[in-house]
Amino acid sequence: MRVFFLSAVLVSLFGNVASAETVSNGALSLEERQQAACYNDAQRLCGDAFPDVDQVRSCMGNKKKLVSAACAAFYPK
């Protein structure tokens, strides 16, 4: 349940920009790559903000300089 909720939070953080984008060979969609890249950062940096989506979004925005390079790649520049 927590994984599902965190996935929903990450989608709300980054928007559903390309959720329909999938590669026909079975590769991960952009949304799935975002979730995989930011899951540990969200738990590590903002775990105390759960389950409030707005608080997690705000926390991740405030700490975006602390996220991993993989997660930072999904933040708008």
C-alpha atoms as a PDB file:
ATOM      1  CA  MET A   1       0.000   0.000   0.000  1.00  0.00           C
ATOM      2  CA  ARG A   2       2.810   2.415   0.856  1.00  0.00           C
ATOM      3  CA  VAL A   3       4.484   1.754  -2.505  1.00  0.00           C
ATOM      4  CA  PHE A   4       1.235   2.534  -4.313  1.00  0.00           C
ATOM      5  CA  PHE A   5       0.778   5.731  -2.324  1.00  0.00           C
ATOM      6  CA  LEU A   6       4.356   6.825  -2.949  1.00  0.00           C
ATOM      7  CA  SER A   7       3.857   6.159  -6.646  1.00  0.00           C
ATOM      8  CA  ALA A   8       0.787   8.391  -6.599  1.00  0.00           C
ATOM      9  CA  VAL A   9       2.765  11.097  -4.802  1.00  0.00           C
ATOM     10  CA  LEU A  10       5.587  10.939  -7.327  1.00  0.00           C
ATOM     11  CA  VAL A  11       3.140  11.167 -10.209  1.00  0.00           C
ATOM     12  CA  SER A  12       1.627  14.241  -8.599  1.00  0.00           C
ATOM     13  CA  LEU A  13       5.099  15.714  -8.069  1.00  0.00           C
ATOM     14  CA  PHE A  14       6.231  15.371 -11.633  1.00  0.00           C
ATOM     15  CA  GLY A  15       2.893  15.443 -13.338  1.00  0.00           C
ATOM     16  CA  ASN A  16       1.545  12.849 -15.643  1.00  0.00           C
ATOM     17  CA  VAL A  17       3.609  14.236 -18.503  1.00  0.00           C
ATOM     18  CA  ALA A  18       4.036  11.054 -20.452  1.00  0.00           C
ATOM     19  CA  SER A  19       2.223   8.345 -18.579  1.00  0.00           C
ATOM     20  CA  ALA A  20       1.029   6.876 -21.860  1.00  0.00           C
ATOM     21  CA  GLU A  21       4.579   6.799 -23.220  1.00  0.00           C
ATOM     22  CA  THR A  22       5.649   3.208 -23.414  1.00  0.00           C
ATOM     23  CA  VAL A  23       8.051   1.463 -25.664  1.00  0.00           C
ATOM     24  CA  SER A  24       6.648  -1.505 -27.524  1.00  0.00           C
ATOM     25  CA  ASN A  25       9.582  -3.695 -26.483  1.00  0.00           C
ATOM     26  CA  GLY A  26       8.434  -3.616 -22.854  1.00  0.00           C
ATOM     27  CA  ALA A  27      10.801  -0.915 -21.550  1.00  0.00           C
ATOM     28  CA  LEU A  28       9.668   1.207 -18.634  1.00  0.00           C
ATOM     29  CA  SER A  29       7.498   4.226 -19.330  1.00  0.00           C
ATOM     30  CA  LEU A  30       8.721   7.705 -18.413  1.00  0.00           C
ATOM     31  CA  GLU A  31       6.413   7.698 -15.368  1.00  0.00           C
ATOM     32  CA  GLU A  32       7.838   4.383 -14.166  1.00  0.00           C
ATOM     33  CA  ARG A  33      11.407   5.665 -14.610  1.00  0.00           C
ATOM     34  CA  GLN A  34      10.528   8.780 -12.577  1.00  0.00           C
ATOM     35  CA  GLN A  35       9.097   6.662  -9.795  1.00  0.00           C
ATOM     36  CA  ALA A  36      12.092   4.359  -9.748  1.00  0.00           C
ATOM     37  CA  ALA A  37      14.566   7.245  -9.760  1.00  0.00           C
ATOM     38  CA  CYS A  38      12.886   9.223  -6.967  1.00  0.00           C
ATOM     39  CA  TYR A  39      11.403   6.564  -4.690  1.00  0.00           C
ATOM     40  CA  ASN A  40      14.371   6.324  -2.313  1.00  0.00           C
ATOM     41  CA  ASP A  41      14.883  10.090  -2.272  1.00  0.00           C
ATOM     42  CA  ALA A  42      11.249  10.709  -1.364  1.00  0.00           C
ATOM     43  CA  GLN A  43      11.431   8.226   1.494  1.00  0.00           C
ATOM     44  CA  ARG A  44      14.823   9.443   2.709  1.00  0.00           C
ATOM     45  CA  LEU A  45      14.186  13.175   2.462  1.00  0.00           C
ATOM     46  CA  CYS A  46      10.447  13.453   3.047  1.00  0.00           C
ATOM     47  CA  GLY A  47       9.309  10.273   4.747  1.00  0.00           C
ATOM     48  CA  ASP A  48       7.925  12.230   7.697  1.00  0.00           C
ATOM     49  CA  ALA A  49       5.589  14.153   5.367  1.00  0.00           C
ATOM     50  CA  PHE A  50       3.587  11.059   4.390  1.00  0.00           C
ATOM     51  CA  PRO A  51       0.704  10.579   3.758  1.00  0.00           C
ATOM     52  CA  ASP A  52       0.063  14.255   2.895  1.00  0.00           C
ATOM     53  CA  VAL A  53       0.696  14.598  -0.846  1.00  0.00           C
ATOM     54  CA  ASP A  54       0.982  18.387  -0.658  1.00  0.00           C
ATOM     55  CA  GLN A  55       3.556  18.165   2.132  1.00  0.00           C
ATOM     56  CA  VAL A  56       5.600  15.591   0.225  1.00  0.00           C
ATOM     57  CA  ARG A  57       5.449  17.732  -2.926  1.00  0.00           C
ATOM     58  CA  SER A  58       6.562  20.791  -0.984  1.00  0.00           C
ATOM     59  CA  CYS A  59       9.297  18.871   0.816  1.00  0.00           C
ATOM     60  CA  MET A  60      10.719  17.409  -2.390  1.00  0.00           C
ATOM     61  CA  GLY A  61      10.639  20.841  -4.011  1.00  0.00           C
ATOM     62  CA  ASN A  62      12.481  22.361  -1.065  1.00  0.00           C
ATOM     63  CA  LYS A  63      15.078  19.602  -1.058  1.00  0.00           C
ATOM     64  CA  LYS A  64      15.529  19.120  -4.788  1.00  0.00           C
ATOM     65  CA  LYS A  65      19.196  20.088  -4.453  1.00  0.00           C
ATOM     66  CA  LEU A  66      19.630  17.029  -2.215  1.00  0.00           C
ATOM     67  CA  VAL A  67      18.053  14.431  -4.468  1.00  0.00           C
ATOM     68  CA  SER A  68      20.108  11.902  -6.376  1.00  0.00           C
ATOM     69  CA  ALA A  69      21.296  12.749  -9.863  1.00  0.00           C
ATOM     70  CA  ALA A  70      18.879  10.175 -11.264  1.00  0.00           C
ATOM     71  CA  CYS A  71      15.900  11.859  -9.595  1.00  0.00           C
ATOM     72  CA  ALA A  72      17.102  15.401 -10.357  1.00  0.00           C
ATOM     73  CA  ALA A  73      17.037  14.560 -14.054  1.00  0.00           C
ATOM     74  CA  PHE A  74      13.226  14.565 -13.860  1.00  0.00           C
ATOM     75  CA  TYR A  75      12.911  18.002 -12.268  1.00  0.00           C
ATOM     76  CA  PRO A  76      12.107  20.828 -14.675  1.00  0.00           C
ATOM     77  CA  LYS A  77      15.050  23.129 -15.109  1.00  0.00           C
END
